Amino acid sequence: MKVHPEVGLSFDDVLLIPKRNSFGSRKKVSLKTKLTKGITLNIPIISANMDTVTGARLAIAMAQSGGMGILHRFNTIEEEVGEVRKVKRQSSYIIKDPYTITKDKTVGDARAISQIYGVSGFPVLDEGKLVGIVTERDLWFQKDDSLIADVMTKKNDMVLIEQEKTIKPEKFVEVFKKHKVEKIPIIDKKSNLLGMVTAKDIANLGNGHATKSSDGSLMVGASVGVKDAAKRSEALIKAGADVLVIDIAHGHSEAVVSTLKTLKRKLDIEIIAGNIATSAAAEELISAGADAIKVGIGPGSVCTTRLVTGSGVPQLTAIEWTHNVAQHYGVPIIGDGGIRTSGDIAKALAAGASTVMVGKVLGGTEEAPGATIIRGGRKYKFYRGMSSISANSKKLEVDQSDFDISDVVGEGNETFIPYIGSAKEVISQLCGGLKSAFSYSGATSILELRKNAELIRLSSGGLRESYAKLDSD
């Protein structure tokens, strides 16, 4: 047995030593960073690929805030593809394949589709031709068995645009201002539906801080496992996913290396691989083609891997070790787990991370898909680790695998966490605190922070001193 001489450090073991600030206002601080070798974000925060954290709603909020959401894979391929499409539809100002309904359907059908896909209006088709539109207002006070043909706004009463070539957003702005409508279908001369534009999407085009792909749509990441990696990856790319994450708890394995090599050989997309915690693992995944590496074995708040298996590396040290290798190849490190505050993010970036992945920090937000309950007059949201027994059982069910529940070994907990409101507000607070952290280190960028950073070890008394004292003593 070999005992490693270095002491492993977590975020609570250190503080950043304050440095002289020569630039004054924290408005001069840039949080821009690399997620992968080819993808840049405006903030160094992405949301965890957990089923109680990142669905389409949170992924949209993350991208609009300058980061990115990574959709979880604990669902069917079709379900994950549907979540990708919801994100991509959000701000690509021309929705090229809008959800539609035919005129022979009922109001009940429209309400059901609206509930499933989270949209409030549909172009109405008859034998493939546009004949009207039905919006949320058209459905008010209508019975479920009423026909769409009887309640829709007919084509002759609609605002339409005929498109034979590219139309600039400014053109749509003029039409929306003049007619005061929310949705404009785009058709050709034969009334074939070519797409649809919404006022909300046009308004969002002005958000220059958002993370967008070349077509103007919000960027989103999606997770795959090793079992159905090829099939799931192809479907996700077709739906518009901008980056893939090979989502395995122990990423330094033959299964991950083989999957990564296969996907990089067949697909034209950036791929994040992980999770790992050592320099040797970083070297192997980079050699296999990883465009970014996810680091973290057991630091998450509901992860019990270190207790169950006795394995892991304290997160600050794991980030430093992997960065020492990855920096020579220009491959970014993602610190996944252990983040509770903006100060933790600053320490992770100083140690070598280019971004951090957060779970519990966002799990209590309105946009997170976890179930909401009320206890003692307060709202809470369900949150679980993706190696918990229930999460693993769900994945095996999705895979249609024969299994005995006694064979599932849990490496994660399940709990309820306080509801904390809007994800955008949480992200804004984190980024504000992070900019303050940069100012204390005399840095205006992540590279300067990493260059300037000096860490000091803490005693147990030093850690206690760091926390707020709210009692009378």
Protein backbone atom coordinates (compact mmCIF):
# COMPACT_ATOMS: atom_id res chain seq x y z
CA MET A 1 0.00 0.00 0.00
CA LYS A 2 1.21 3.50 -0.89
CA VAL A 3 0.23 6.46 1.26
CA HIS A 4 0.20 9.75 -0.62
CA PRO A 5 2.28 12.37 1.24
CA GLU A 6 0.17 15.37 0.21
CA VAL A 7 -2.68 16.57 2.39
CA GLY A 8 -5.94 16.81 0.45
CA LEU A 9 -7.73 20.15 0.77
CA SER A 10 -11.38 21.12 0.44
CA PHE A 11 -12.84 24.61 0.07
CA ASP A 12 -13.28 25.04 3.85
CA ASP A 13 -9.59 24.31 4.44
CA VAL A 14 -8.31 27.50 2.80
CA LEU A 15 -8.88 31.21 2.23
CA LEU A 16 -7.67 33.45 -0.57
CA ILE A 17 -5.16 35.98 0.76
CA PRO A 18 -6.36 39.51 -0.12
CA LYS A 19 -4.23 41.41 -2.66
CA ARG A 20 -3.90 45.06 -3.61
CA ASN A 21 -6.76 46.27 -5.81
CA SER A 22 -5.62 48.75 -8.47
CA PHE A 23 -8.77 48.92 -10.62
CA GLY A 24 -11.45 50.19 -8.23
CA SER A 25 -14.92 49.18 -9.38
CA ARG A 26 -15.82 45.51 -9.67
CA LYS A 27 -17.69 46.46 -12.87
CA LYS A 28 -14.32 46.01 -14.58
CA VAL A 29 -14.27 42.33 -13.68
CA SER A 30 -15.00 39.88 -16.52
CA LEU A 31 -16.31 36.42 -15.67
CA LYS A 32 -16.00 35.17 -19.25
CA THR A 33 -14.48 31.70 -19.46
CA LYS A 34 -14.14 28.50 -21.47
CA LEU A 35 -16.55 25.64 -20.85
CA THR A 36 -14.82 23.45 -23.42
CA LYS A 37 -12.04 24.05 -25.92
CA GLY A 38 -14.56 25.51 -28.35
CA ILE A 39 -17.38 26.95 -26.19
CA THR A 40 -17.17 30.24 -24.29
CA LEU A 41 -19.52 31.28 -21.47
CA ASN A 42 -20.09 34.72 -19.97
CA ILE A 43 -20.15 33.32 -16.43
CA PRO A 44 -18.26 30.31 -15.01
CA ILE A 45 -21.34 28.46 -13.76
CA ILE A 46 -23.23 25.50 -15.24
CA SER A 47 -26.07 23.53 -13.68
CA ALA A 48 -25.74 19.89 -12.72
CA ASN A 49 -27.14 17.10 -14.86
CA MET A 50 -29.42 15.92 -12.05
CA ASP A 51 -33.11 15.11 -12.43
CA THR A 52 -34.07 17.41 -9.54
CA VAL A 53 -31.92 20.26 -10.87
CA THR A 54 -31.78 20.66 -14.65
CA GLY A 55 -34.73 20.36 -16.96
CA ALA A 56 -35.55 22.69 -19.82
CA ARG A 57 -36.79 25.54 -17.61
CA LEU A 58 -33.59 25.77 -15.58
CA ALA A 59 -31.43 25.27 -18.70
CA ILE A 60 -33.20 28.26 -20.29
CA ALA A 61 -32.59 30.40 -17.19
CA MET A 62 -28.94 29.34 -17.08
CA ALA A 63 -28.29 30.22 -20.73
CA GLN A 64 -30.12 33.53 -20.42
CA SER A 65 -27.86 34.34 -17.43
CA GLY A 66 -24.69 33.65 -19.42
CA GLY A 67 -24.00 30.10 -18.23
CA MET A 68 -25.36 26.76 -19.40
CA GLY A 69 -27.65 24.00 -18.19
CA ILE A 70 -26.72 20.35 -18.62
CA LEU A 71 -29.82 18.19 -19.04
CA HIS A 72 -29.92 14.90 -17.14
CA ARG A 73 -30.18 11.49 -18.80
CA PHE A 74 -32.43 9.71 -16.32
CA ASN A 75 -35.25 9.57 -18.85
CA THR A 76 -35.92 8.09 -22.26
CA ILE A 77 -34.07 9.34 -25.32
CA GLU A 78 -37.30 10.88 -26.59
CA GLU A 79 -37.87 12.73 -23.31
CA GLU A 80 -34.34 14.16 -23.25
CA VAL A 81 -34.63 15.17 -26.91
CA GLY A 82 -37.88 16.94 -26.02
CA GLU A 83 -36.12 18.93 -23.29
CA VAL A 84 -33.38 19.99 -25.72
CA ARG A 85 -35.99 21.18 -28.20
CA LYS A 86 -37.76 23.23 -25.54
CA VAL A 87 -34.54 25.11 -24.83
CA LYS A 88 -33.66 25.62 -28.48
CA ARG A 89 -37.14 26.94 -29.27
CA GLN A 90 -36.93 29.54 -26.53
CA SER A 91 -34.96 32.22 -28.33
CA SER A 92 -34.19 31.18 -31.84
CA TYR A 93 -36.30 34.02 -33.17
CA ILE A 94 -37.74 31.91 -36.00
CA ILE A 95 -39.19 28.64 -34.68
CA LYS A 96 -38.72 26.47 -37.73
CA ASP A 97 -40.87 23.54 -36.60
CA PRO A 98 -43.49 24.94 -34.21
CA TYR A 99 -45.91 22.66 -32.44
CA THR A 100 -49.16 22.58 -34.45
CA ILE A 101 -52.68 21.25 -34.14
CA THR A 102 -55.26 20.30 -36.78
CA LYS A 103 -58.66 21.93 -36.99
CA ASP A 104 -60.51 18.68 -36.24
CA LYS A 105 -58.95 18.40 -32.78
CA THR A 106 -60.65 19.63 -29.61
CA VAL A 107 -59.95 22.31 -27.03
CA GLY A 108 -59.11 19.49 -24.62
CA ASP A 109 -56.46 18.24 -27.06
CA ALA A 110 -54.95 21.74 -27.26
CA ARG A 111 -54.83 22.08 -23.48
CA ALA A 112 -53.14 18.69 -23.15
CA ILE A 113 -50.48 19.54 -25.75
CA SER A 114 -49.92 22.92 -24.10
CA GLN A 115 -49.37 21.21 -20.75
CA ILE A 116 -46.92 18.69 -22.20
CA TYR A 117 -44.78 21.10 -24.21
CA GLY A 118 -45.19 24.30 -22.20
CA VAL A 119 -46.42 26.41 -25.13
CA SER A 120 -49.46 28.67 -25.18
CA GLY A 121 -50.50 28.74 -28.84
CA PHE A 122 -50.50 26.64 -31.98
CA PRO A 123 -50.82 27.27 -35.71
CA VAL A 124 -53.83 25.30 -36.96
CA LEU A 125 -53.40 23.13 -40.06
CA ASP A 126 -55.76 21.46 -42.48
CA GLU A 127 -54.13 18.96 -44.84
CA GLY A 128 -50.79 20.61 -44.12
CA LYS A 129 -51.95 24.16 -44.94
CA LEU A 130 -52.26 26.96 -42.40
CA VAL A 131 -55.92 27.80 -41.74
CA GLY A 132 -55.73 29.60 -38.40
CA ILE A 133 -54.11 29.93 -35.00
CA VAL A 134 -55.33 29.03 -31.52
CA THR A 135 -53.88 30.86 -28.52
CA GLU A 136 -54.42 30.69 -24.79
CA ARG A 137 -57.01 33.47 -25.01
CA ASP A 138 -58.97 31.56 -27.66
CA LEU A 139 -59.33 28.69 -25.18
CA TRP A 140 -60.68 30.76 -22.30
CA PHE A 141 -64.13 29.65 -21.10
CA GLN A 142 -64.30 26.98 -23.82
CA LYS A 143 -65.45 23.42 -23.14
CA ASP A 144 -62.94 20.61 -23.69
CA ASP A 145 -65.10 19.01 -26.39
CA SER A 146 -65.32 22.19 -28.49
CA LEU A 147 -63.66 21.86 -31.90
CA ILE A 148 -60.53 23.88 -32.67
CA ALA A 149 -62.13 24.93 -35.97
CA ASP A 150 -64.89 26.70 -34.01
CA VAL A 151 -62.66 28.62 -31.54
CA MET A 152 -59.52 29.43 -33.54
CA THR A 153 -58.62 32.78 -35.06
CA LYS A 154 -59.07 32.19 -38.77
CA LYS A 155 -56.35 32.85 -41.32
CA ASN A 156 -58.10 35.86 -42.85
CA ASP A 157 -58.09 37.57 -39.45
CA MET A 158 -54.44 36.81 -38.67
CA VAL A 159 -51.20 38.73 -39.07
CA LEU A 160 -48.97 36.67 -41.37
CA ILE A 161 -45.61 37.06 -43.04
CA GLU A 162 -44.72 35.46 -46.35
CA GLN A 163 -41.07 34.46 -46.37
CA GLU A 164 -39.14 33.76 -49.53
CA LYS A 165 -35.78 34.83 -48.12
CA THR A 166 -34.18 35.80 -44.82
CA ILE A 167 -36.08 38.37 -42.78
CA LYS A 168 -34.17 40.50 -40.28
CA PRO A 169 -35.45 40.73 -36.67
CA GLU A 170 -36.11 44.46 -37.16
CA LYS A 171 -38.85 43.59 -39.65
CA PHE A 172 -40.65 41.49 -37.08
CA VAL A 173 -40.32 44.24 -34.47
CA GLU A 174 -42.17 46.63 -36.82
CA VAL A 175 -44.99 44.11 -37.33
CA PHE A 176 -45.36 43.35 -33.62
CA LYS A 177 -45.46 47.06 -32.76
CA LYS A 178 -48.05 47.82 -35.43
CA HIS A 179 -50.45 44.93 -34.84
CA LYS A 180 -49.87 44.24 -31.11
CA VAL A 181 -49.95 40.47 -31.49
CA GLU A 182 -47.89 37.84 -29.65
CA LYS A 183 -47.25 35.32 -32.44
CA ILE A 184 -46.73 35.61 -36.18
CA PRO A 185 -46.79 32.50 -38.40
CA ILE A 186 -44.53 32.52 -41.46
CA ILE A 187 -45.92 30.93 -44.62
CA ASP A 188 -45.10 30.59 -48.29
CA LYS A 189 -47.38 31.57 -51.19
CA LYS A 190 -49.17 28.21 -50.99
CA SER A 191 -49.95 28.62 -47.24
CA ASN A 192 -47.41 26.02 -46.19
CA LEU A 193 -46.21 26.78 -42.66
CA LEU A 194 -42.48 27.68 -42.67
CA GLY A 195 -42.14 28.72 -39.06
CA MET A 196 -43.36 31.07 -36.37
CA VAL A 197 -42.02 34.08 -34.47
CA THR A 198 -43.09 35.21 -31.00
CA ALA A 199 -42.81 38.69 -29.53
CA LYS A 200 -41.09 37.22 -26.47
CA ASP A 201 -38.32 35.65 -28.57
CA ILE A 202 -37.72 38.88 -30.48
CA ALA A 203 -37.49 40.79 -27.19
CA ASN A 204 -34.94 38.29 -25.87
CA LEU A 205 -32.66 38.91 -28.84
CA GLY A 206 -31.50 42.05 -27.05
CA ASN A 207 -29.93 40.00 -24.26
CA GLY A 208 -26.30 40.10 -25.31
CA HIS A 209 -25.24 38.38 -22.08
CA ALA A 210 -27.03 35.14 -22.93
CA THR A 211 -25.15 32.05 -24.12
CA LYS A 212 -26.25 31.50 -27.72
CA SER A 213 -25.25 29.30 -30.61
CA SER A 214 -24.65 30.58 -34.14
CA ASP A 215 -28.36 30.43 -35.06
CA GLY A 216 -29.34 32.67 -32.16
CA SER A 217 -30.81 29.88 -30.03
CA LEU A 218 -29.87 29.39 -26.40
CA MET A 219 -27.09 26.88 -25.87
CA VAL A 220 -27.75 23.70 -23.89
CA GLY A 221 -25.78 20.62 -22.90
CA ALA A 222 -27.11 17.08 -22.63
CA SER A 223 -25.91 13.96 -20.83
CA VAL A 224 -25.36 10.46 -22.13
CA GLY A 225 -24.27 7.24 -20.47
CA VAL A 226 -22.10 4.53 -21.96
CA LYS A 227 -24.85 1.97 -22.56
CA ASP A 228 -26.85 3.89 -25.19
CA ALA A 229 -24.26 6.59 -25.93
CA ALA A 230 -24.26 6.40 -29.73
CA LYS A 231 -28.03 6.30 -30.22
CA ARG A 232 -28.76 8.94 -27.57
CA SER A 233 -25.96 11.24 -28.76
CA GLU A 234 -27.12 11.20 -32.38
CA ALA A 235 -30.70 12.03 -31.35
CA LEU A 236 -29.57 14.85 -29.03
CA ILE A 237 -27.33 16.40 -31.69
CA LYS A 238 -30.16 16.25 -34.22
CA ALA A 239 -32.39 18.07 -31.70
CA GLY A 240 -29.77 20.82 -31.37
CA ALA A 241 -27.67 19.98 -28.29
CA ASP A 242 -24.50 22.10 -28.27
CA VAL A 243 -22.32 19.89 -26.07
CA LEU A 244 -22.51 16.35 -24.70
CA VAL A 245 -21.52 15.14 -21.24
CA ILE A 246 -20.53 11.54 -20.65
CA ASP A 247 -22.16 11.16 -17.27
CA ILE A 248 -20.45 8.45 -15.22
CA ALA A 249 -19.65 8.60 -11.49
CA HIS A 250 -16.22 6.98 -12.00
CA GLY A 251 -14.95 8.43 -15.26
CA HIS A 252 -11.47 6.91 -15.16
CA SER A 253 -12.65 3.63 -16.65
CA GLU A 254 -12.27 1.65 -19.85
CA ALA A 255 -15.99 2.09 -20.58
CA VAL A 256 -15.72 5.90 -20.56
CA VAL A 257 -12.46 6.01 -22.52
CA SER A 258 -13.84 3.65 -25.19
CA THR A 259 -17.14 5.56 -25.43
CA LEU A 260 -15.35 8.89 -25.69
CA LYS A 261 -13.08 7.69 -28.49
CA THR A 262 -16.04 6.27 -30.42
CA LEU A 263 -18.14 9.41 -30.10
CA LYS A 264 -15.29 11.74 -31.04
CA ARG A 265 -14.56 9.63 -34.11
CA LYS A 266 -18.17 9.57 -35.33
CA LEU A 267 -19.68 12.87 -34.18
CA ASP A 268 -18.88 16.53 -34.75
CA ILE A 269 -19.58 17.96 -31.29
CA GLU A 270 -17.71 19.04 -28.15
CA ILE A 271 -17.71 16.36 -25.44
CA ILE A 272 -17.17 16.71 -21.69
CA ALA A 273 -15.95 13.58 -19.90
CA GLY A 274 -15.83 12.67 -16.23
CA ASN A 275 -16.04 12.44 -13.33
CA ILE A 276 -12.42 12.10 -12.24
CA ALA A 277 -10.10 13.31 -9.47
CA THR A 278 -6.50 12.55 -10.49
CA SER A 279 -3.86 13.73 -12.94
CA ALA A 280 -3.55 10.24 -14.43
CA ALA A 281 -7.27 10.21 -15.21
CA ALA A 282 -7.03 13.66 -16.78
CA GLU A 283 -4.16 12.55 -19.00
CA GLU A 284 -6.06 9.51 -20.26
CA LEU A 285 -9.35 11.30 -20.97
CA ILE A 286 -7.58 14.12 -22.77
CA SER A 287 -5.71 11.59 -24.90
CA ALA A 288 -9.06 9.98 -25.73
CA GLY A 289 -10.38 13.31 -27.04
CA ALA A 290 -12.14 15.08 -24.16
CA ASP A 291 -12.88 18.76 -24.86
CA ALA A 292 -13.35 19.43 -21.14
CA ILE A 293 -13.07 17.35 -17.99
CA LYS A 294 -15.53 17.16 -15.10
CA VAL A 295 -13.78 16.81 -11.75
CA GLY A 296 -15.31 15.60 -8.51
CA ILE A 297 -15.51 12.25 -6.73
CA GLY A 298 -17.82 12.55 -3.76
CA PRO A 299 -17.84 16.28 -2.84
CA GLY A 300 -21.56 16.87 -3.49
CA SER A 301 -23.90 17.63 -0.60
CA VAL A 302 -26.02 14.50 -1.16
CA CYS A 303 -23.20 12.27 -2.42
CA THR A 304 -22.08 9.43 -0.11
CA THR A 305 -19.51 7.87 -2.46
CA ARG A 306 -16.62 8.56 -0.09
CA LEU A 307 -18.45 6.93 2.81
CA VAL A 308 -19.72 3.94 0.84
CA THR A 309 -16.52 3.24 -1.10
CA GLY A 310 -13.78 4.96 0.91
CA SER A 311 -12.63 6.57 -2.35
CA GLY A 312 -12.18 10.16 -3.45
CA VAL A 313 -9.94 13.22 -3.35
CA PRO A 314 -10.86 16.46 -1.52
CA GLN A 315 -12.22 18.78 -4.19
CA LEU A 316 -9.75 21.68 -4.11
CA THR A 317 -6.83 19.27 -4.44
CA ALA A 318 -8.59 17.27 -7.17
CA ILE A 319 -9.06 20.45 -9.21
CA GLU A 320 -5.42 21.42 -8.77
CA TRP A 321 -4.11 17.98 -9.74
CA THR A 322 -6.21 17.72 -12.89
CA HIS A 323 -5.55 21.32 -13.93
CA ASN A 324 -1.79 20.76 -13.69
CA VAL A 325 -2.17 18.25 -16.55
CA ALA A 326 -5.05 19.78 -18.52
CA GLN A 327 -3.51 23.26 -18.84
CA HIS A 328 -0.75 21.88 -21.09
CA TYR A 329 -3.39 20.73 -23.60
CA GLY A 330 -5.70 23.73 -23.37
CA VAL A 331 -8.50 21.56 -21.95
CA PRO A 332 -10.76 23.30 -19.39
CA ILE A 333 -11.56 21.82 -15.99
CA ILE A 334 -15.09 21.81 -14.55
CA GLY A 335 -15.25 21.66 -10.75
CA ASP A 336 -18.30 19.49 -10.07
CA GLY A 337 -19.51 19.43 -6.47
CA GLY A 338 -18.86 21.01 -3.09
CA ILE A 339 -19.94 24.52 -4.16
CA ARG A 340 -22.12 26.30 -1.61
CA THR A 341 -21.13 29.97 -1.94
CA SER A 342 -19.55 32.45 -4.35
CA GLY A 343 -16.41 32.19 -2.22
CA ASP A 344 -16.21 28.47 -2.99
CA ILE A 345 -16.47 29.28 -6.71
CA ALA A 346 -13.58 31.76 -6.40
CA LYS A 347 -11.40 29.15 -4.68
CA ALA A 348 -12.24 26.56 -7.35
CA LEU A 349 -11.30 28.98 -10.14
CA ALA A 350 -8.09 29.92 -8.35
CA ALA A 351 -7.16 26.24 -8.09
CA GLY A 352 -7.55 25.73 -11.84
CA ALA A 353 -11.22 25.25 -12.69
CA SER A 354 -12.57 27.22 -15.65
CA THR A 355 -16.18 26.62 -14.61
CA VAL A 356 -18.04 25.04 -11.72
CA MET A 357 -21.07 22.78 -11.82
CA VAL A 358 -23.66 23.42 -9.11
CA GLY A 359 -26.56 21.29 -7.96
CA LYS A 360 -27.97 22.05 -4.51
CA VAL A 361 -27.35 25.78 -5.01
CA LEU A 362 -30.01 25.71 -7.77
CA GLY A 363 -32.10 22.74 -6.65
CA GLY A 364 -34.38 24.94 -4.56
CA THR A 365 -35.20 27.39 -7.35
CA GLU A 366 -38.55 27.81 -9.03
CA GLU A 367 -37.18 26.50 -12.35
CA ALA A 368 -35.70 23.28 -10.96
CA PRO A 369 -37.90 20.24 -11.72
CA GLY A 370 -37.85 18.79 -8.22
CA ALA A 371 -41.27 18.32 -6.61
CA THR A 372 -42.45 21.14 -4.33
CA ILE A 373 -44.03 20.55 -0.91
CA ILE A 374 -45.14 22.78 1.97
CA ARG A 375 -44.08 21.96 5.52
CA GLY A 376 -44.88 24.19 8.46
CA GLY A 377 -45.94 26.97 6.13
CA ARG A 378 -42.65 26.94 4.19
CA LYS A 379 -41.99 25.68 0.67
CA TYR A 380 -39.38 23.00 -0.02
CA LYS A 381 -38.20 21.17 -3.12
CA PHE A 382 -37.19 17.53 -3.45
CA TYR A 383 -33.48 16.99 -4.13
CA ARG A 384 -31.56 13.75 -4.59
CA GLY A 385 -28.15 12.50 -5.60
CA MET A 386 -28.01 10.73 -8.95
CA SER A 387 -26.41 7.70 -7.33
CA SER A 388 -29.19 7.39 -4.76
CA ILE A 389 -31.23 4.20 -4.73
CA SER A 390 -34.35 5.85 -6.15
CA ALA A 391 -32.40 7.57 -8.94
CA ASN A 392 -30.64 4.36 -9.90
CA SER A 393 -33.93 2.49 -9.85
CA LYS A 394 -35.43 5.10 -12.15
CA LYS A 395 -32.53 4.76 -14.60
CA LEU A 396 -32.81 0.97 -14.64
CA GLU A 397 -36.54 1.33 -15.26
CA VAL A 398 -35.89 3.69 -18.20
CA ASP A 399 -33.36 1.21 -19.59
CA GLN A 400 -35.98 -1.54 -19.19
CA SER A 401 -33.42 -3.63 -17.34
CA ASP A 402 -34.29 -6.66 -15.23
CA PHE A 403 -33.02 -5.92 -11.76
CA ASP A 404 -33.47 -6.74 -8.12
CA ILE A 405 -33.71 -3.62 -5.98
CA SER A 406 -31.43 -5.32 -3.45
CA ASP A 407 -28.64 -5.22 -6.06
CA VAL A 408 -28.72 -1.42 -6.21
CA VAL A 409 -26.09 0.14 -3.94
CA GLY A 410 -26.88 3.75 -3.13
CA GLU A 411 -24.10 6.34 -3.15
CA GLY A 412 -26.37 9.34 -2.62
CA ASN A 413 -29.03 10.73 -0.31
CA GLU A 414 -32.51 12.16 -0.84
CA THR A 415 -33.80 15.23 0.97
CA PHE A 416 -35.91 18.37 0.82
CA ILE A 417 -34.23 21.75 0.54
CA PRO A 418 -35.74 25.23 1.07
CA TYR A 419 -37.41 26.91 -1.88
CA ILE A 420 -35.34 29.99 -2.83
CA GLY A 421 -37.18 31.58 -5.76
CA SER A 422 -35.82 32.60 -9.15
CA ALA A 423 -32.74 30.88 -10.56
CA LYS A 424 -31.73 34.09 -12.32
CA GLU A 425 -31.66 35.93 -9.00
CA VAL A 426 -29.55 33.19 -7.41
CA ILE A 427 -27.10 33.30 -10.31
CA SER A 428 -26.97 37.10 -10.13
CA GLN A 429 -26.10 36.95 -6.43
CA LEU A 430 -23.40 34.34 -7.03
CA CYS A 431 -21.85 36.40 -9.81
CA GLY A 432 -21.96 39.56 -7.71
CA GLY A 433 -20.17 37.81 -4.86
CA LEU A 434 -17.69 36.31 -7.31
CA LYS A 435 -16.81 39.74 -8.72
CA SER A 436 -16.19 40.93 -5.16
CA ALA A 437 -13.91 37.93 -4.64
CA PHE A 438 -11.96 38.94 -7.75
CA SER A 439 -11.59 42.49 -6.43
CA TYR A 440 -10.17 41.18 -3.14
CA SER A 441 -7.58 39.26 -5.17
CA GLY A 442 -6.74 42.24 -7.39
CA ALA A 443 -7.97 40.39 -10.48
CA THR A 444 -10.21 41.44 -13.37
CA SER A 445 -10.32 38.01 -15.06
CA ILE A 446 -10.14 34.33 -14.20
CA LEU A 447 -6.61 34.10 -15.57
CA GLU A 448 -5.52 37.01 -13.37
CA LEU A 449 -7.21 35.41 -10.37
CA ARG A 450 -5.35 32.17 -10.96
CA LYS A 451 -2.06 34.06 -11.41
CA ASN A 452 -2.52 36.25 -8.32
CA ALA A 453 -4.02 33.65 -6.01
CA GLU A 454 -2.32 32.73 -2.76
CA LEU A 455 -4.10 30.40 -0.38
CA ILE A 456 -3.63 30.11 3.36
CA ARG A 457 -4.51 26.98 5.31
CA LEU A 458 -7.07 27.32 8.10
CA SER A 459 -7.15 25.87 11.57
CA SER A 460 -10.49 24.75 13.01
CA GLY A 461 -10.56 28.06 14.90
CA GLY A 462 -9.89 29.94 11.68
CA LEU A 463 -12.83 28.17 10.03
CA ARG A 464 -15.14 29.04 12.93
CA GLU A 465 -13.96 32.66 12.72
CA SER A 466 -14.97 32.77 9.03
CA TYR A 467 -18.65 32.16 9.73
CA ALA A 468 -21.15 34.75 10.92
CA LYS A 469 -21.63 35.09 14.68
CA LEU A 470 -25.30 35.68 15.32
CA ASP A 471 -25.58 34.80 19.02
CA SER A 472 -25.26 37.22 21.93
CA ASP A 473 -21.71 36.07 22.74
